[in-house]
Amino acid sequence: MLTVDEFTEKILHDFKKVFPEVKKEEKFIRLGTGVTHVELPINSMYKEYQVTDYESIKKLYIKVSNEILNQYKFKVDYNNVYPLLKSREFGKGEKDLGFYREQAFADIDIFYASDIGEVFRFILNSDDVDFDKMKKAAWENLNKMANPLVKLDKTLDVFCLKYSTDYNSTLLLSTALQNQIHKKIGKDYLFAIPSSTTLIVARYRPEYISIIKSLMAIDTDTNRISDKVYQYKNGIFDIASV
C-alpha cells in the first residue's frame, strides 16, 4: 500500500494528464480550467484509497472533478457576443486571466465579450468555445447596430457618434460606420478612440490633429483605450504623423 506522500505524488501525476491546471496546496489538490477550479482534500482521498484501490479512487475523482468543472464552464450566447476594442494592456498584470485577443492597431487589441446586462464577460483562451463561430457571430451582431455620425461644429469636418454606448469605439470597424465615414468624410481620415464610449473621426487635415487631442483630453470616460491619433489611408490604419 502506498504511503500518503506516495499516493499524493502518484495522483498528482495522473491528474496532470487530464486537467490543464494541477497544483498541490497544504491539504488539498487544486484542479482548474481557467477561472473555474475544484479543491480535493488529500486526507479524504487517501482514506478512501485505503479501503478500495488506487485505480478506482483515481477514476472516481477524475469523474467527479470533471462534472463539477463542466457544470460551471462558460457557455457563450452567440446572439449576445460582441467585439470590443481595448488598450493592449487591458487584462494584463499579475492576475492575467488569458483573455482571447487579436491585434487591431498599434496599441489596441480586439477582445470578444458576452454582454450579460450590467457587465461584460470576456472570452478567455481557455473557454470551450468555437472561436471561428464566436467571432463571426460577434461581428454580425456589431453590424446590426446603428449610430449616426454627427458634426461637433458646423465649421469643422470633425465628427462623433450621436448616441453614447459601450460599443462606440468598436463601431469604427463595423461595415455600416465605415460606409458612413466614406460617404461623409472620404477614405483618408483621422480618428481617435480615447475611451470605450468615445469615437472621434475627422477629415484628414494636419491642423485637426491638435483639435482631436484637445477633445480627447476632456473625455471623462474612465475606461481609457488610447491616447493616439490615427490615420486611415489606402486601407491602412496607422498612427498619424504631425
Protein backbone atom coordinates (compact mmCIF):
# COMPACT_ATOMS: atom_id res chain seq x y z
CA MET A 1 0.00 0.00 0.00
CA LEU A 2 1.21 3.50 -0.84
CA THR A 3 2.10 5.99 1.89
CA VAL A 4 0.14 9.24 1.88
CA ASP A 5 3.07 11.05 0.24
CA GLU A 6 3.45 8.37 -2.44
CA PHE A 7 -0.29 8.42 -3.06
CA THR A 8 -0.27 12.21 -3.38
CA GLU A 9 2.63 12.25 -5.86
CA LYS A 10 1.08 9.46 -7.94
CA ILE A 11 -2.38 11.02 -8.19
CA LEU A 12 -0.89 14.46 -8.92
CA HIS A 13 0.99 12.89 -11.82
CA ASP A 14 -2.19 11.28 -13.16
CA PHE A 15 -4.31 14.41 -12.69
CA LYS A 16 -1.81 16.38 -14.79
CA LYS A 17 -2.57 14.08 -17.72
CA VAL A 18 -6.24 15.13 -17.59
CA PHE A 19 -6.51 18.69 -16.26
CA PRO A 20 -4.77 21.83 -17.59
CA GLU A 21 -4.02 23.20 -14.12
CA VAL A 22 -2.99 20.98 -11.19
CA LYS A 23 -1.47 22.36 -8.01
CA LYS A 24 -0.78 20.82 -4.60
CA GLU A 25 -1.60 23.07 -1.69
CA GLU A 26 -1.17 22.29 2.02
CA LYS A 27 -4.09 19.86 2.46
CA PHE A 28 -5.67 19.98 -0.99
CA ILE A 29 -5.06 19.26 -4.63
CA ARG A 30 -6.40 22.13 -6.72
CA LEU A 31 -7.66 21.32 -10.22
CA GLY A 32 -8.67 24.05 -12.64
CA THR A 33 -9.71 25.05 -16.12
CA GLY A 34 -9.07 28.77 -16.44
CA VAL A 35 -11.20 30.68 -13.93
CA THR A 36 -13.02 27.56 -12.58
CA HIS A 37 -11.45 25.22 -10.05
CA VAL A 38 -12.13 22.44 -7.56
CA GLU A 39 -10.20 21.55 -4.40
CA LEU A 40 -9.87 17.89 -3.39
CA PRO A 41 -8.90 17.05 0.23
CA ILE A 42 -5.85 14.77 0.21
CA ASN A 43 -6.64 13.02 3.51
CA SER A 44 -10.17 12.10 2.42
CA MET A 45 -8.96 10.67 -0.88
CA TYR A 46 -6.23 8.71 0.89
CA LYS A 47 -8.66 7.22 3.42
CA GLU A 48 -10.93 6.06 0.59
CA TYR A 49 -7.91 4.57 -1.21
CA GLN A 50 -7.06 2.54 1.92
CA VAL A 51 -10.36 0.68 1.76
CA THR A 52 -10.55 0.27 -2.04
CA ASP A 53 -7.75 0.56 -4.61
CA TYR A 54 -5.80 3.30 -6.36
CA GLU A 55 -7.34 2.97 -9.85
CA SER A 56 -10.89 3.17 -8.51
CA ILE A 57 -10.12 6.32 -6.49
CA LYS A 58 -8.30 7.96 -9.39
CA LYS A 59 -11.18 7.33 -11.81
CA LEU A 60 -13.78 8.42 -9.26
CA TYR A 61 -12.13 11.78 -8.54
CA ILE A 62 -11.41 12.49 -12.20
CA LYS A 63 -15.09 11.85 -12.93
CA VAL A 64 -16.33 13.97 -10.00
CA SER A 65 -13.94 16.83 -10.81
CA ASN A 66 -14.92 16.89 -14.48
CA GLU A 67 -18.59 17.02 -13.55
CA ILE A 68 -18.01 19.98 -11.21
CA LEU A 69 -15.79 21.87 -13.65
CA ASN A 70 -18.10 21.31 -16.61
CA GLN A 71 -21.08 22.47 -14.56
CA TYR A 72 -19.53 25.93 -14.31
CA LYS A 73 -17.93 26.01 -17.74
CA PHE A 74 -18.76 29.21 -19.58
CA LYS A 75 -21.21 28.80 -22.45
CA VAL A 76 -21.19 31.68 -24.89
CA ASP A 77 -24.51 33.05 -26.14
CA TYR A 78 -23.77 33.64 -29.82
CA ASN A 79 -26.70 36.06 -30.04
CA ASN A 80 -25.17 38.29 -27.41
CA VAL A 81 -21.43 38.34 -28.09
CA TYR A 82 -19.60 41.39 -29.47
CA PRO A 83 -16.08 42.54 -30.34
CA LEU A 84 -14.66 45.30 -28.13
CA LEU A 85 -11.61 47.49 -28.69
CA LYS A 86 -9.42 47.85 -25.62
CA SER A 87 -5.93 49.01 -24.72
CA ARG A 88 -3.25 46.40 -25.37
CA GLU A 89 -2.51 46.48 -21.63
CA PHE A 90 -6.10 45.58 -20.73
CA GLY A 91 -6.30 42.30 -18.80
CA LYS A 92 -2.56 42.01 -18.27
CA GLY A 93 -0.66 42.06 -14.99
CA GLU A 94 -0.40 39.76 -12.00
CA LYS A 95 -3.90 38.36 -12.49
CA ASP A 96 -3.76 37.84 -16.25
CA LEU A 97 -6.81 35.66 -16.98
CA GLY A 98 -5.76 34.94 -20.56
CA PHE A 99 -8.32 37.00 -22.47
CA TYR A 100 -8.70 35.95 -26.10
CA ARG A 101 -7.37 38.90 -28.11
CA GLU A 102 -6.33 39.94 -31.61
CA GLN A 103 -4.24 42.93 -32.65
CA ALA A 104 -6.25 45.84 -34.07
CA PHE A 105 -3.93 48.86 -34.16
CA ALA A 106 -0.50 49.79 -32.80
CA ASP A 107 -1.57 49.94 -29.16
CA ILE A 108 -5.10 48.50 -29.32
CA ASP A 109 -6.41 44.92 -29.33
CA ILE A 110 -9.77 43.39 -30.21
CA PHE A 111 -11.41 41.44 -27.39
CA TYR A 112 -14.66 39.48 -27.51
CA ALA A 113 -17.26 39.62 -24.77
CA SER A 114 -20.69 38.32 -23.90
CA ASP A 115 -22.97 41.19 -22.92
CA ILE A 116 -24.80 39.92 -19.85
CA GLY A 117 -26.50 43.12 -18.77
CA GLU A 118 -24.58 45.24 -16.31
CA VAL A 119 -21.20 43.66 -17.12
CA PHE A 120 -19.23 42.09 -19.96
CA ARG A 121 -17.89 38.57 -19.62
CA PHE A 122 -14.75 38.49 -21.77
CA ILE A 123 -13.93 35.35 -23.74
CA LEU A 124 -10.84 33.52 -22.45
CA ASN A 125 -8.32 31.44 -24.38
CA SER A 126 -9.25 28.54 -22.09
CA ASP A 127 -13.01 28.73 -22.77
CA ASP A 128 -14.64 25.80 -24.52
CA VAL A 129 -15.75 27.96 -27.45
CA ASP A 130 -15.82 27.55 -31.22
CA PHE A 131 -13.71 30.67 -31.78
CA ASP A 132 -14.41 30.96 -35.51
CA LYS A 133 -18.16 30.74 -34.93
CA MET A 134 -17.93 33.14 -31.98
CA LYS A 135 -16.03 35.79 -33.97
CA LYS A 136 -18.37 35.52 -36.95
CA ALA A 137 -21.39 35.98 -34.67
CA ALA A 138 -19.75 38.89 -32.82
CA TRP A 139 -19.12 40.91 -35.98
CA GLU A 140 -22.59 40.12 -37.32
CA ASN A 141 -24.09 41.38 -34.05
CA LEU A 142 -22.00 44.56 -34.15
CA ASN A 143 -23.01 45.26 -37.75
CA LYS A 144 -26.67 45.27 -36.70
CA MET A 145 -26.05 48.36 -34.58
CA ALA A 146 -26.81 51.82 -35.96
CA ASN A 147 -25.34 55.07 -34.66
CA PRO A 148 -25.17 58.17 -36.89
CA LEU A 149 -22.09 60.35 -37.24
CA VAL A 150 -22.77 63.99 -36.35
CA LYS A 151 -20.62 67.09 -36.69
CA LEU A 152 -19.22 68.54 -33.50
CA ASP A 153 -19.07 72.00 -35.06
CA LYS A 154 -20.60 73.35 -38.26
CA THR A 155 -17.31 74.92 -39.35
CA LEU A 156 -15.18 71.79 -38.86
CA ASP A 157 -15.17 68.37 -40.52
CA VAL A 158 -14.89 66.69 -37.13
CA PHE A 159 -17.48 64.10 -36.15
CA CYS A 160 -18.58 61.94 -33.24
CA LEU A 161 -21.34 59.39 -32.75
CA LYS A 162 -24.76 60.73 -31.80
CA TYR A 163 -25.52 58.16 -29.08
CA SER A 164 -23.22 57.17 -26.24
CA THR A 165 -22.79 53.39 -25.89
CA ASP A 166 -20.09 50.99 -24.70
CA TYR A 167 -19.63 49.92 -28.32
CA ASN A 168 -18.82 53.34 -29.82
CA SER A 169 -15.10 52.72 -30.18
CA THR A 170 -15.60 49.29 -31.76
CA LEU A 171 -18.25 50.58 -34.20
CA LEU A 172 -15.36 52.15 -36.11
CA LEU A 173 -14.72 48.69 -37.58
CA SER A 174 -18.33 47.97 -38.48
CA THR A 175 -19.38 47.93 -42.13
CA ALA A 176 -22.20 50.40 -41.52
CA LEU A 177 -20.00 53.03 -39.89
CA GLN A 178 -17.22 52.62 -42.44
CA ASN A 179 -19.82 53.34 -45.14
CA GLN A 180 -20.92 56.45 -43.24
CA ILE A 181 -17.34 57.67 -42.89
CA HIS A 182 -16.53 57.13 -46.57
CA LYS A 183 -19.71 58.97 -47.58
CA LYS A 184 -19.39 61.96 -45.22
CA ILE A 185 -15.61 62.28 -44.91
CA GLY A 186 -13.85 60.18 -47.51
CA LYS A 187 -11.27 57.39 -47.44
CA ASP A 188 -8.44 59.45 -45.96
CA TYR A 189 -9.38 60.40 -42.42
CA LEU A 190 -8.18 60.83 -38.85
CA PHE A 191 -9.70 59.11 -35.87
CA ALA A 192 -9.20 58.65 -32.14
CA ILE A 193 -10.70 56.26 -29.60
CA PRO A 194 -9.71 57.64 -26.19
CA SER A 195 -12.30 55.52 -24.36
CA SER A 196 -14.98 52.86 -24.84
CA THR A 197 -17.80 55.37 -25.36
CA THR A 198 -15.92 57.92 -27.47
CA LEU A 199 -15.03 57.86 -31.14
CA ILE A 200 -13.76 60.97 -32.91
CA VAL A 201 -13.45 60.98 -36.70
CA ALA A 202 -12.26 63.85 -38.92
CA ARG A 203 -11.30 64.61 -42.48
CA TYR A 204 -7.54 64.36 -42.86
CA ARG A 205 -6.05 67.77 -42.22
CA PRO A 206 -2.84 68.17 -40.18
CA GLU A 207 -4.36 71.01 -38.16
CA TYR A 208 -7.15 68.70 -36.99
CA ILE A 209 -4.71 66.52 -35.04
CA SER A 210 -4.32 69.10 -32.26
CA ILE A 211 -8.11 69.64 -32.19
CA ILE A 212 -8.68 65.90 -31.77
CA LYS A 213 -6.09 65.75 -28.97
CA SER A 214 -7.90 68.59 -27.17
CA LEU A 215 -11.18 66.69 -27.45
CA MET A 216 -9.53 63.54 -26.12
CA ALA A 217 -8.22 65.45 -23.10
CA ILE A 218 -11.72 66.42 -21.97
CA ASP A 219 -13.22 62.93 -22.37
CA THR A 220 -14.48 61.92 -18.90
CA ASP A 221 -14.94 58.17 -19.52
CA THR A 222 -12.60 56.28 -17.17
CA ASN A 223 -12.42 53.23 -19.48
CA ARG A 224 -9.37 54.53 -21.34
CA ILE A 225 -8.22 52.93 -24.58
CA SER A 226 -5.63 55.02 -26.41
CA ASP A 227 -4.10 58.50 -26.39
CA LYS A 228 -3.03 58.18 -30.03
CA VAL A 229 -4.49 59.90 -33.09
CA TYR A 230 -4.70 57.51 -36.03
CA GLN A 231 -4.93 57.98 -39.78
CA TYR A 232 -6.76 55.71 -42.21
CA LYS A 233 -5.36 55.88 -45.74
CA ASN A 234 -5.33 53.39 -48.61
CA GLY A 235 -6.92 50.73 -46.42
CA ILE A 236 -4.25 51.03 -43.71
CA PHE A 237 -4.67 52.20 -40.10
CA ASP A 238 -1.57 53.87 -38.63
CA ILE A 239 -0.61 56.48 -36.05
CA ALA A 240 -0.95 59.94 -37.60
CA SER A 241 2.20 61.97 -38.06
CA VAL A 242 2.08 65.70 -37.42
